Amino acid sequence: MRSNEKLSPRLLNFSVQVLKFLGEVRTYRETDVIKYQLSRSATSIGANYEESQSSSKPEFKLRIRICIREALETKYWLTICKELKIGDEVLVSKLIDENIQLVKILRAIYKKTSN
């Protein structure tokens, strides 16, 4: 199985899990920005990865870099949720762990395309 066939569904699942998590978070003025930014960055990872699949090599590298950048931003917002105890703490920790694994995978892809 090609890596895309494994990574695409994993990125989609991650986005869906983040959106489900955010659906359970109560909306307050203070959490609005967190919910908006986290939903935007988390879904952007998979969207940019999908777009990379039909790109030239330079565009592919650029899209993977964007995926990494969005994944790092996602980790930032998830860490804020963890620190402020927003939402289910166990779920937030699982999302952070998955995010870290995705960053490692994306960095490996980027490194491979840079050689």
PDB file of N, CA and C in Angstrom:
ATOM      1  N   MET A   1       0.838  -1.181   0.000  1.00  0.00           N
ATOM      2  CA  MET A   1       0.000   0.000   0.000  1.00  0.00           C
ATOM      3  C   MET A   1       0.885   1.246   0.000  1.00  0.00           C
ATOM      4  N   ARG A   2       0.599   2.182  -0.897  1.00  0.00           N
ATOM      5  CA  ARG A   2       1.373   3.418  -0.961  1.00  0.00           C
ATOM      6  C   ARG A   2       1.127   4.251   0.283  1.00  0.00           C
ATOM      7  N   SER A   3       2.114   5.103   0.615  1.00  0.00           N
ATOM      8  CA  SER A   3       1.998   5.918   1.824  1.00  0.00           C
ATOM      9  C   SER A   3       0.780   6.834   1.770  1.00  0.00           C
ATOM     10  N   ASN A   4       0.426   7.346   0.582  1.00  0.00           N
ATOM     11  CA  ASN A   4      -0.746   8.202   0.460  1.00  0.00           C
ATOM     12  C   ASN A   4      -2.012   7.469   0.870  1.00  0.00           C
ATOM     13  N   GLU A   5      -2.088   6.193   0.528  1.00  0.00           N
ATOM     14  CA  GLU A   5      -3.271   5.411   0.865  1.00  0.00           C
ATOM     15  C   GLU A   5      -3.403   5.207   2.370  1.00  0.00           C
ATOM     16  N   LYS A   6      -2.312   5.335   3.092  1.00  0.00           N
ATOM     17  CA  LYS A   6      -2.345   5.216   4.551  1.00  0.00           C
ATOM     18  C   LYS A   6      -2.484   6.580   5.220  1.00  0.00           C
ATOM     19  N   LEU A   7      -1.790   7.583   4.682  1.00  0.00           N
ATOM     20  CA  LEU A   7      -1.752   8.885   5.338  1.00  0.00           C
ATOM     21  C   LEU A   7      -3.020   9.706   5.104  1.00  0.00           C
ATOM     22  N   SER A   8      -3.569   9.668   3.910  1.00  0.00           N
ATOM     23  CA  SER A   8      -4.770  10.464   3.624  1.00  0.00           C
ATOM     24  C   SER A   8      -5.919  10.156   4.580  1.00  0.00           C
ATOM     25  N   PRO A   9      -6.279   8.882   4.767  1.00  0.00           N
ATOM     26  CA  PRO A   9      -7.358   8.590   5.714  1.00  0.00           C
ATOM     27  C   PRO A   9      -7.007   8.969   7.156  1.00  0.00           C
ATOM     28  N   ARG A  10      -5.746   8.843   7.491  1.00  0.00           N
ATOM     29  CA  ARG A  10      -5.308   9.196   8.851  1.00  0.00           C
ATOM     30  C   ARG A  10      -5.450  10.700   9.089  1.00  0.00           C
ATOM     31  N   LEU A  11      -5.087  11.502   8.092  1.00  0.00           N
ATOM     32  CA  LEU A  11      -5.243  12.950   8.209  1.00  0.00           C
ATOM     33  C   LEU A  11      -6.718  13.342   8.248  1.00  0.00           C
ATOM     34  N   LEU A  12      -7.525  12.678   7.441  1.00  0.00           N
ATOM     35  CA  LEU A  12      -8.964  12.939   7.459  1.00  0.00           C
ATOM     36  C   LEU A  12      -9.548  12.586   8.828  1.00  0.00           C
ATOM     37  N   ASN A  13      -9.173  11.443   9.352  1.00  0.00           N
ATOM     38  CA  ASN A  13      -9.662  11.024  10.663  1.00  0.00           C
ATOM     39  C   ASN A  13      -9.240  12.013  11.750  1.00  0.00           C
ATOM     40  N   PHE A  14      -8.002  12.487  11.675  1.00  0.00           N
ATOM     41  CA  PHE A  14      -7.527  13.463  12.651  1.00  0.00           C
ATOM     42  C   PHE A  14      -8.388  14.723  12.601  1.00  0.00           C
ATOM     43  N   SER A  15      -8.655  15.217  11.407  1.00  0.00           N
ATOM     44  CA  SER A  15      -9.501  16.409  11.260  1.00  0.00           C
ATOM     45  C   SER A  15     -10.878  16.180  11.851  1.00  0.00           C
ATOM     46  N   VAL A  16     -11.460  15.038  11.548  1.00  0.00           N
ATOM     47  CA  VAL A  16     -12.796  14.720  12.050  1.00  0.00           C
ATOM     48  C   VAL A  16     -12.793  14.628  13.573  1.00  0.00           C
ATOM     49  N   GLN A  17     -11.764  13.995  14.137  1.00  0.00           N
ATOM     50  CA  GLN A  17     -11.686  13.868  15.596  1.00  0.00           C
ATOM     51  C   GLN A  17     -11.544  15.232  16.270  1.00  0.00           C
ATOM     52  N   VAL A  18     -10.766  16.122  15.683  1.00  0.00           N
ATOM     53  CA  VAL A  18     -10.625  17.470  16.235  1.00  0.00           C
ATOM     54  C   VAL A  18     -11.964  18.203  16.163  1.00  0.00           C
ATOM     55  N   LEU A  19     -12.651  18.095  15.031  1.00  0.00           N
ATOM     56  CA  LEU A  19     -13.940  18.781  14.890  1.00  0.00           C
ATOM     57  C   LEU A  19     -14.984  18.218  15.865  1.00  0.00           C
ATOM     58  N   LYS A  20     -14.982  16.905  16.065  1.00  0.00           N
ATOM     59  CA  LYS A  20     -15.891  16.304  17.053  1.00  0.00           C
ATOM     60  C   LYS A  20     -15.562  16.808  18.455  1.00  0.00           C
ATOM     61  N   PHE A  21     -14.266  16.857  18.762  1.00  0.00           N
ATOM     62  CA  PHE A  21     -13.823  17.380  20.057  1.00  0.00           C
ATOM     63  C   PHE A  21     -14.335  18.811  20.242  1.00  0.00           C
ATOM     64  N   LEU A  22     -14.144  19.641  19.227  1.00  0.00           N
ATOM     65  CA  LEU A  22     -14.562  21.044  19.322  1.00  0.00           C
ATOM     66  C   LEU A  22     -16.085  21.171  19.438  1.00  0.00           C
ATOM     67  N   GLY A  23     -16.811  20.236  18.858  1.00  0.00           N
ATOM     68  CA  GLY A  23     -18.263  20.238  18.976  1.00  0.00           C
ATOM     69  C   GLY A  23     -18.743  20.013  20.397  1.00  0.00           C
ATOM     70  N   GLU A  24     -17.897  19.384  21.187  1.00  0.00           N
ATOM     71  CA  GLU A  24     -18.233  19.120  22.591  1.00  0.00           C
ATOM     72  C   GLU A  24     -17.799  20.247  23.531  1.00  0.00           C
ATOM     73  N   VAL A  25     -16.966  21.147  23.027  1.00  0.00           N
ATOM     74  CA  VAL A  25     -16.457  22.244  23.865  1.00  0.00           C
ATOM     75  C   VAL A  25     -17.513  23.342  23.932  1.00  0.00           C
ATOM     76  N   ARG A  26     -17.832  23.743  25.144  1.00  0.00           N
ATOM     77  CA  ARG A  26     -18.805  24.820  25.320  1.00  0.00           C
ATOM     78  C   ARG A  26     -18.245  26.120  24.764  1.00  0.00           C
ATOM     79  N   THR A  27     -19.114  26.878  24.168  1.00  0.00           N
ATOM     80  CA  THR A  27     -18.693  28.128  23.547  1.00  0.00           C
ATOM     81  C   THR A  27     -18.821  29.277  24.531  1.00  0.00           C
ATOM     82  N   TYR A  28     -17.686  29.906  24.744  1.00  0.00           N
ATOM     83  CA  TYR A  28     -17.595  31.121  25.535  1.00  0.00           C
ATOM     84  C   TYR A  28     -16.792  32.113  24.711  1.00  0.00           C
ATOM     85  N   ARG A  29     -16.881  33.343  25.060  1.00  0.00           N
ATOM     86  CA  ARG A  29     -16.108  34.350  24.342  1.00  0.00           C
ATOM     87  C   ARG A  29     -14.626  33.974  24.304  1.00  0.00           C
ATOM     88  N   GLU A  30     -14.136  33.458  25.416  1.00  0.00           N
ATOM     89  CA  GLU A  30     -12.715  33.118  25.520  1.00  0.00           C
ATOM     90  C   GLU A  30     -12.333  31.917  24.655  1.00  0.00           C
ATOM     91  N   THR A  31     -13.261  31.001  24.420  1.00  0.00           N
ATOM     92  CA  THR A  31     -12.929  29.798  23.644  1.00  0.00           C
ATOM     93  C   THR A  31     -13.210  29.956  22.157  1.00  0.00           C
ATOM     94  N   ASP A  32     -13.919  30.995  21.777  1.00  0.00           N
ATOM     95  CA  ASP A  32     -14.260  31.168  20.359  1.00  0.00           C
ATOM     96  C   ASP A  32     -13.028  31.197  19.467  1.00  0.00           C
ATOM     97  N   VAL A  33     -12.033  31.972  19.849  1.00  0.00           N
ATOM     98  CA  VAL A  33     -10.837  32.084  19.013  1.00  0.00           C
ATOM     99  C   VAL A  33     -10.091  30.754  18.956  1.00  0.00           C
ATOM    100  N   ILE A  34     -10.036  30.047  20.063  1.00  0.00           N
ATOM    101  CA  ILE A  34      -9.356  28.752  20.099  1.00  0.00           C
ATOM    102  C   ILE A  34     -10.068  27.768  19.185  1.00  0.00           C
ATOM    103  N   LYS A  35     -11.383  27.697  19.282  1.00  0.00           N
ATOM    104  CA  LYS A  35     -12.156  26.778  18.451  1.00  0.00           C
ATOM    105  C   LYS A  35     -11.992  27.103  16.970  1.00  0.00           C
ATOM    106  N   TYR A  36     -12.037  28.366  16.634  1.00  0.00           N
ATOM    107  CA  TYR A  36     -11.906  28.769  15.233  1.00  0.00           C
ATOM    108  C   TYR A  36     -10.513  28.423  14.696  1.00  0.00           C
ATOM    109  N   GLN A  37      -9.481  28.828  15.424  1.00  0.00           N
ATOM    110  CA  GLN A  37      -8.111  28.611  14.958  1.00  0.00           C
ATOM    111  C   GLN A  37      -7.767  27.123  14.894  1.00  0.00           C
ATOM    112  N   LEU A  38      -8.194  26.360  15.892  1.00  0.00           N
ATOM    113  CA  LEU A  38      -7.903  24.931  15.912  1.00  0.00           C
ATOM    114  C   LEU A  38      -8.625  24.212  14.780  1.00  0.00           C
ATOM    115  N   SER A  39      -9.871  24.561  14.548  1.00  0.00           N
ATOM    116  CA  SER A  39     -10.594  23.912  13.448  1.00  0.00           C
ATOM    117  C   SER A  39      -9.941  24.241  12.109  1.00  0.00           C
ATOM    118  N   ARG A  40      -9.501  25.462  11.953  1.00  0.00           N
ATOM    119  CA  ARG A  40      -8.878  25.898  10.706  1.00  0.00           C
ATOM    120  C   ARG A  40      -7.549  25.180  10.470  1.00  0.00           C
ATOM    121  N   SER A  41      -6.690  25.175  11.482  1.00  0.00           N
ATOM    122  CA  SER A  41      -5.362  24.579  11.289  1.00  0.00           C
ATOM    123  C   SER A  41      -5.434  23.053  11.163  1.00  0.00           C
ATOM    124  N   ALA A  42      -6.273  22.410  11.969  1.00  0.00           N
ATOM    125  CA  ALA A  42      -6.358  20.946  11.940  1.00  0.00           C
ATOM    126  C   ALA A  42      -6.882  20.433  10.598  1.00  0.00           C
ATOM    127  N   THR A  43      -7.872  21.101  10.043  1.00  0.00           N
ATOM    128  CA  THR A  43      -8.423  20.650   8.760  1.00  0.00           C
ATOM    129  C   THR A  43      -7.514  21.028   7.593  1.00  0.00           C
ATOM    130  N   SER A  44      -6.706  22.032   7.777  1.00  0.00           N
ATOM    131  CA  SER A  44      -5.801  22.470   6.720  1.00  0.00           C
ATOM    132  C   SER A  44      -4.697  21.452   6.441  1.00  0.00           C
ATOM    133  N   ILE A  45      -4.322  20.687   7.437  1.00  0.00           N
ATOM    134  CA  ILE A  45      -3.253  19.699   7.248  1.00  0.00           C
ATOM    135  C   ILE A  45      -3.650  18.716   6.144  1.00  0.00           C
ATOM    136  N   GLY A  46      -4.786  18.081   6.307  1.00  0.00           N
ATOM    137  CA  GLY A  46      -5.246  17.101   5.321  1.00  0.00           C
ATOM    138  C   GLY A  46      -5.578  17.720   3.981  1.00  0.00           C
ATOM    139  N   ALA A  47      -6.168  18.918   4.003  1.00  0.00           N
ATOM    140  CA  ALA A  47      -6.523  19.585   2.754  1.00  0.00           C
ATOM    141  C   ALA A  47      -5.274  19.886   1.925  1.00  0.00           C
ATOM    142  N   ASN A  48      -4.237  20.380   2.570  1.00  0.00           N
ATOM    143  CA  ASN A  48      -3.000  20.667   1.850  1.00  0.00           C
ATOM    144  C   ASN A  48      -2.304  19.387   1.396  1.00  0.00           C
ATOM    145  N   TYR A  49      -2.404  18.345   2.186  1.00  0.00           N
ATOM    146  CA  TYR A  49      -1.809  17.071   1.773  1.00  0.00           C
ATOM    147  C   TYR A  49      -2.519  16.535   0.534  1.00  0.00           C
ATOM    148  N   GLU A  50      -3.845  16.608   0.524  1.00  0.00           N
ATOM    149  CA  GLU A  50      -4.593  16.151  -0.647  1.00  0.00           C
ATOM    150  C   GLU A  50      -4.220  16.963  -1.877  1.00  0.00           C
ATOM    151  N   GLU A  51      -4.088  18.253  -1.707  1.00  0.00           N
ATOM    152  CA  GLU A  51      -3.705  19.104  -2.820  1.00  0.00           C
ATOM    153  C   GLU A  51      -2.305  18.760  -3.324  1.00  0.00           C
ATOM    154  N   SER A  52      -1.433  18.354  -2.436  1.00  0.00           N
ATOM    155  CA  SER A  52      -0.062  18.016  -2.829  1.00  0.00           C
ATOM    156  C   SER A  52      -0.014  16.806  -3.752  1.00  0.00           C
ATOM    157  N   GLN A  53      -1.030  15.976  -3.702  1.00  0.00           N
ATOM    158  CA  GLN A  53      -1.004  14.722  -4.445  1.00  0.00           C
ATOM    159  C   GLN A  53      -1.092  14.907  -5.956  1.00  0.00           C
ATOM    160  N   SER A  54      -1.516  16.068  -6.391  1.00  0.00           N
ATOM    161  CA  SER A  54      -1.580  16.305  -7.841  1.00  0.00           C
ATOM    162  C   SER A  54      -0.710  17.497  -8.221  1.00  0.00           C
ATOM    163  N   SER A  55       0.408  17.633  -7.526  1.00  0.00           N
ATOM    164  CA  SER A  55       1.282  18.786  -7.726  1.00  0.00           C
ATOM    165  C   SER A  55       2.612  18.383  -8.342  1.00  0.00           C
ATOM    166  N   SER A  56       3.292  19.372  -8.913  1.00  0.00           N
ATOM    167  CA  SER A  56       4.667  19.174  -9.362  1.00  0.00           C
ATOM    168  C   SER A  56       5.543  18.963  -8.130  1.00  0.00           C
ATOM    169  N   LYS A  57       6.773  18.508  -8.337  1.00  0.00           N
ATOM    170  CA  LYS A  57       7.662  18.263  -7.198  1.00  0.00           C
ATOM    171  C   LYS A  57       7.898  19.521  -6.352  1.00  0.00           C
ATOM    172  N   PRO A  58       8.182  20.697  -6.956  1.00  0.00           N
ATOM    173  CA  PRO A  58       8.360  21.894  -6.120  1.00  0.00           C
ATOM    174  C   PRO A  58       7.079  22.264  -5.354  1.00  0.00           C
ATOM    175  N   GLU A  59       5.940  22.127  -6.015  1.00  0.00           N
ATOM    176  CA  GLU A  59       4.663  22.427  -5.350  1.00  0.00           C
ATOM    177  C   GLU A  59       4.376  21.400  -4.254  1.00  0.00           C
ATOM    178  N   PHE A  60       4.726  20.136  -4.507  1.00  0.00           N
ATOM    179  CA  PHE A  60       4.554  19.086  -3.511  1.00  0.00           C
ATOM    180  C   PHE A  60       5.325  19.433  -2.239  1.00  0.00           C
ATOM    181  N   LYS A  61       6.602  19.813  -2.417  1.00  0.00           N
ATOM    182  CA  LYS A  61       7.419  20.185  -1.257  1.00  0.00           C
ATOM    183  C   LYS A  61       6.809  21.352  -0.500  1.00  0.00           C
ATOM    184  N   LEU A  62       6.333  22.341  -1.231  1.00  0.00           N
ATOM    185  CA  LEU A  62       5.706  23.508  -0.604  1.00  0.00           C
ATOM    186  C   LEU A  62       4.474  23.091   0.197  1.00  0.00           C
ATOM    187  N   ARG A  63       3.639  22.258  -0.382  1.00  0.00           N
ATOM    188  CA  ARG A  63       2.419  21.804   0.308  1.00  0.00           C
ATOM    189  C   ARG A  63       2.759  21.001   1.559  1.00  0.00           C
ATOM    190  N   ILE A  64       3.788  20.173   1.484  1.00  0.00           N
ATOM    191  CA  ILE A  64       4.190  19.398   2.669  1.00  0.00           C
ATOM    192  C   ILE A  64       4.701  20.338   3.753  1.00  0.00           C
ATOM    193  N   ARG A  65       5.456  21.365   3.371  1.00  0.00           N
ATOM    194  CA  ARG A  65       5.909  22.365   4.357  1.00  0.00           C
ATOM    195  C   ARG A  65       4.717  23.055   5.001  1.00  0.00           C
ATOM    196  N   ILE A  66       3.698  23.359   4.200  1.00  0.00           N
ATOM    197  CA  ILE A  66       2.487  23.978   4.751  1.00  0.00           C
ATOM    198  C   ILE A  66       1.805  23.009   5.714  1.00  0.00           C
ATOM    199  N   CYS A  67       1.749  21.739   5.349  1.00  0.00           N
ATOM    200  CA  CYS A  67       1.164  20.724   6.247  1.00  0.00           C
ATOM    201  C   CYS A  67       1.882  20.713   7.594  1.00  0.00           C
ATOM    202  N   ILE A  68       3.200  20.751   7.549  1.00  0.00           N
ATOM    203  CA  ILE A  68       3.989  20.748   8.790  1.00  0.00           C
ATOM    204  C   ILE A  68       3.682  21.996   9.600  1.00  0.00           C
ATOM    205  N   ARG A  69       3.665  23.123   8.953  1.00  0.00           N
ATOM    206  CA  ARG A  69       3.391  24.396   9.642  1.00  0.00           C
ATOM    207  C   ARG A  69       2.001  24.379  10.282  1.00  0.00           C
ATOM    208  N   GLU A  70       1.013  23.882   9.552  1.00  0.00           N
ATOM    209  CA  GLU A  70      -0.350  23.812  10.097  1.00  0.00           C
ATOM    210  C   GLU A  70      -0.437  22.807  11.245  1.00  0.00           C
ATOM    211  N   ALA A  71       0.297  21.704  11.130  1.00  0.00           N
ATOM    212  CA  ALA A  71       0.303  20.707  12.205  1.00  0.00           C
ATOM    213  C   ALA A  71       0.934  21.278  13.471  1.00  0.00           C
ATOM    214  N   LEU A  72       1.986  22.061  13.315  1.00  0.00           N
ATOM    215  CA  LEU A  72       2.606  22.694  14.486  1.00  0.00           C
ATOM    216  C   LEU A  72       1.668  23.715  15.116  1.00  0.00           C
ATOM    217  N   GLU A  73       0.949  24.456  14.292  1.00  0.00           N
ATOM    218  CA  GLU A  73      -0.034  25.390  14.842  1.00  0.00           C
ATOM    219  C   GLU A  73      -1.140  24.628  15.572  1.00  0.00           C
ATOM    220  N   THR A  74      -1.557  23.520  15.003  1.00  0.00           N
ATOM    221  CA  THR A  74      -2.591  22.691  15.638  1.00  0.00           C
ATOM    222  C   THR A  74      -2.130  22.219  17.011  1.00  0.00           C
ATOM    223  N   LYS A  75      -0.873  21.795  17.093  1.00  0.00           N
ATOM    224  CA  LYS A  75      -0.321  21.361  18.388  1.00  0.00           C
ATOM    225  C   LYS A  75      -0.362  22.505  19.399  1.00  0.00           C
ATOM    226  N   TYR A  76      -0.061  23.699  18.939  1.00  0.00           N
ATOM    227  CA  TYR A  76      -0.111  24.873  19.821  1.00  0.00           C
ATOM    228  C   TYR A  76      -1.514  25.046  20.412  1.00  0.00           C
ATOM    229  N   TRP A  77      -2.533  25.015  19.555  1.00  0.00           N
ATOM    230  CA  TRP A  77      -3.904  25.219  20.042  1.00  0.00           C
ATOM    231  C   TRP A  77      -4.367  24.064  20.922  1.00  0.00           C
ATOM    232  N   LEU A  78      -3.981  22.839  20.579  1.00  0.00           N
ATOM    233  CA  LEU A  78      -4.333  21.702  21.433  1.00  0.00           C
ATOM    234  C   LEU A  78      -3.654  21.805  22.795  1.00  0.00           C
ATOM    235  N   THR A  79      -2.424  22.292  22.815  1.00  0.00           N
ATOM    236  CA  THR A  79      -1.711  22.470  24.086  1.00  0.00           C
ATOM    237  C   THR A  79      -2.384  23.535  24.933  1.00  0.00           C
ATOM    238  N   ILE A  80      -2.872  24.583  24.311  1.00  0.00           N
ATOM    239  CA  ILE A  80      -3.643  25.587  25.058  1.00  0.00           C
ATOM    240  C   ILE A  80      -4.880  24.936  25.674  1.00  0.00           C
ATOM    241  N   CYS A  81      -5.573  24.102  24.895  1.00  0.00           N
ATOM    242  CA  CYS A  81      -6.743  23.395  25.430  1.00  0.00           C
ATOM    243  C   CYS A  81      -6.349  22.541  26.630  1.00  0.00           C
ATOM    244  N   LYS A  82      -5.225  21.863  26.517  1.00  0.00           N
ATOM    245  CA  LYS A  82      -4.755  21.019  27.623  1.00  0.00           C
ATOM    246  C   LYS A  82      -4.437  21.866  28.854  1.00  0.00           C
ATOM    247  N   GLU A  83      -3.706  22.945  28.651  1.00  0.00           N
ATOM    248  CA  GLU A  83      -3.302  23.799  29.768  1.00  0.00           C
ATOM    249  C   GLU A  83      -4.502  24.460  30.451  1.00  0.00           C
ATOM    250  N   LEU A  84      -5.488  24.857  29.671  1.00  0.00           N
ATOM    251  CA  LEU A  84      -6.679  25.516  30.229  1.00  0.00           C
ATOM    252  C   LEU A  84      -7.770  24.532  30.626  1.00  0.00           C
ATOM    253  N   LYS A  85      -7.488  23.238  30.418  1.00  0.00           N
ATOM    254  CA  LYS A  85      -8.445  22.173  30.733  1.00  0.00           C
ATOM    255  C   LYS A  85      -9.772  22.389  29.986  1.00  0.00           C
ATOM    256  N   ILE A  86      -9.631  22.677  28.703  1.00  0.00           N
ATOM    257  CA  ILE A  86     -10.793  22.843  27.833  1.00  0.00           C
ATOM    258  C   ILE A  86     -11.100  21.488  27.219  1.00  0.00           C
ATOM    259  N   GLY A  87     -12.297  20.990  27.435  1.00  0.00           N
ATOM    260  CA  GLY A  87     -12.701  19.708  26.867  1.00  0.00           C
ATOM    261  C   GLY A  87     -12.147  18.529  27.639  1.00  0.00           C
ATOM    262  N   ASP A  88     -12.371  17.359  27.082  1.00  0.00           N
ATOM    263  CA  ASP A  88     -11.944  16.096  27.676  1.00  0.00           C
ATOM    264  C   ASP A  88     -10.414  16.011  27.647  1.00  0.00           C
ATOM    265  N   GLU A  89      -9.806  15.989  28.821  1.00  0.00           N
ATOM    266  CA  GLU A  89      -8.342  16.003  28.917  1.00  0.00           C
ATOM    267  C   GLU A  89      -7.692  14.769  28.294  1.00  0.00           C
ATOM    268  N   VAL A  90      -8.315  13.617  28.428  1.00  0.00           N
ATOM    269  CA  VAL A  90      -7.766  12.392  27.844  1.00  0.00           C
ATOM    270  C   VAL A  90      -7.790  12.495  26.322  1.00  0.00           C
ATOM    271  N   LEU A  91      -8.899  12.984  25.778  1.00  0.00           N
ATOM    272  CA  LEU A  91      -9.009  13.142  24.330  1.00  0.00           C
ATOM    273  C   LEU A  91      -8.007  14.169  23.804  1.00  0.00           C
ATOM    274  N   VAL A  92      -7.843  15.267  24.515  1.00  0.00           N
ATOM    275  CA  VAL A  92      -6.877  16.284  24.095  1.00  0.00           C
ATOM    276  C   VAL A  92      -5.474  15.672  24.055  1.00  0.00           C
ATOM    277  N   SER A  93      -5.127  14.894  25.056  1.00  0.00           N
ATOM    278  CA  SER A  93      -3.807  14.245  25.079  1.00  0.00           C
ATOM    279  C   SER A  93      -3.650  13.287  23.907  1.00  0.00           C
ATOM    280  N   LYS A  94      -4.688  12.537  23.575  1.00  0.00           N
ATOM    281  CA  LYS A  94      -4.637  11.626  22.430  1.00  0.00           C
ATOM    282  C   LYS A  94      -4.471  12.398  21.130  1.00  0.00           C
ATOM    283  N   LEU A  95      -5.171  13.519  21.009  1.00  0.00           N
ATOM    284  CA  LEU A  95      -5.049  14.342  19.802  1.00  0.00           C
ATOM    285  C   LEU A  95      -3.647  14.926  19.680  1.00  0.00           C
ATOM    286  N   ILE A  96      -3.089  15.353  20.796  1.00  0.00           N
ATOM    287  CA  ILE A  96      -1.718  15.878  20.775  1.00  0.00           C
ATOM    288  C   ILE A  96      -0.743  14.779  20.357  1.00  0.00           C
ATOM    289  N   ASP A  97      -0.907  13.575  20.901  1.00  0.00           N
ATOM    290  CA  ASP A  97      -0.026  12.456  20.536  1.00  0.00           C
ATOM    291  C   ASP A  97      -0.125  12.140  19.042  1.00  0.00           C
ATOM    292  N   GLU A  98      -1.340  12.095  18.516  1.00  0.00           N
ATOM    293  CA  GLU A  98      -1.515  11.823  17.089  1.00  0.00           C
ATOM    294  C   GLU A  98      -0.904  12.947  16.262  1.00  0.00           C
ATOM    295  N   ASN A  99      -1.079  14.169  16.707  1.00  0.00           N
ATOM    296  CA  ASN A  99      -0.512  15.317  16.010  1.00  0.00           C
ATOM    297  C   ASN A  99       1.009  15.208  15.940  1.00  0.00           C
ATOM    298  N   ILE A 100       1.631  14.835  17.037  1.00  0.00           N
ATOM    299  CA  ILE A 100       3.087  14.679  17.074  1.00  0.00           C
ATOM    300  C   ILE A 100       3.531  13.617  16.067  1.00  0.00           C
ATOM    301  N   GLN A 101       2.799  12.499  16.006  1.00  0.00           N
ATOM    302  CA  GLN A 101       3.132  11.445  15.046  1.00  0.00           C
ATOM    303  C   GLN A 101       2.979  11.933  13.610  1.00  0.00           C
ATOM    304  N   LEU A 102       1.937  12.705  13.346  1.00  0.00           N
ATOM    305  CA  LEU A 102       1.725  13.239  11.998  1.00  0.00           C
ATOM    306  C   LEU A 102       2.844  14.197  11.601  1.00  0.00           C
ATOM    307  N   VAL A 103       3.280  15.014  12.530  1.00  0.00           N
ATOM    308  CA  VAL A 103       4.395  15.927  12.249  1.00  0.00           C
ATOM    309  C   VAL A 103       5.643  15.122  11.883  1.00  0.00           C
ATOM    310  N   LYS A 104       5.919  14.066  12.614  1.00  0.00           N
ATOM    311  CA  LYS A 104       7.083  13.229  12.320  1.00  0.00           C
ATOM    312  C   LYS A 104       6.988  12.631  10.916  1.00  0.00           C
ATOM    313  N   ILE A 105       5.818  12.147  10.560  1.00  0.00           N
ATOM    314  CA  ILE A 105       5.617  11.558   9.229  1.00  0.00           C
ATOM    315  C   ILE A 105       5.811  12.613   8.146  1.00  0.00           C
ATOM    316  N   LEU A 106       5.195  13.762   8.347  1.00  0.00           N
ATOM    317  CA  LEU A 106       5.293  14.830   7.351  1.00  0.00           C
ATOM    318  C   LEU A 106       6.725  15.340   7.211  1.00  0.00           C
ATOM    319  N   ARG A 107       7.432  15.437   8.314  1.00  0.00           N
ATOM    320  CA  ARG A 107       8.841  15.857   8.253  1.00  0.00           C
ATOM    321  C   ARG A 107       9.684  14.832   7.503  1.00  0.00           C
ATOM    322  N   ALA A 108       9.392  13.558   7.704  1.00  0.00           N
ATOM    323  CA  ALA A 108      10.121  12.501   6.988  1.00  0.00           C
ATOM    324  C   ALA A 108       9.851  12.586   5.485  1.00  0.00           C
ATOM    325  N   ILE A 109       8.616  12.859   5.119  1.00  0.00           N
ATOM    326  CA  ILE A 109       8.262  13.024   3.702  1.00  0.00           C
ATOM    327  C   ILE A 109       9.008  14.217   3.130  1.00  0.00           C
ATOM    328  N   TYR A 110       9.012  15.315   3.865  1.00  0.00           N
ATOM    329  CA  TYR A 110       9.690  16.517   3.383  1.00  0.00           C
ATOM    330  C   TYR A 110      11.200  16.257   3.219  1.00  0.00           C
ATOM    331  N   LYS A 111      11.785  15.603   4.190  1.00  0.00           N
ATOM    332  CA  LYS A 111      13.218  15.301   4.126  1.00  0.00           C
ATOM    333  C   LYS A 111      13.531  14.414   2.928  1.00  0.00           C
ATOM    334  N   LYS A 112      12.682  13.425   2.696  1.00  0.00           N
ATOM    335  CA  LYS A 112      12.886  12.512   1.577  1.00  0.00           C
ATOM    336  C   LYS A 112      12.812  13.257   0.242  1.00  0.00           C
ATOM    337  N   THR A 113      11.913  14.213   0.124  1.00  0.00           N
ATOM    338  CA  THR A 113      11.789  14.954  -1.133  1.00  0.00           C
ATOM    339  C   THR A 113      12.893  15.981  -1.298  1.00  0.00           C
ATOM    340  N   SER A 114      13.559  16.324  -0.199  1.00  0.00           N
ATOM    341  CA  SER A 114      14.641  17.305  -0.260  1.00  0.00           C
ATOM    342  C   SER A 114      15.968  16.683  -0.674  1.00  0.00           C
ATOM    343  N   ASN A 115      16.061  15.375  -0.578  1.00  0.00           N
ATOM    344  CA  ASN A 115      17.326  14.678  -0.933  1.00  0.00           C
ATOM    345  C   ASN A 115      17.381  14.378  -2.418  1.00  0.00           C
TER     346      ASN A 115
END
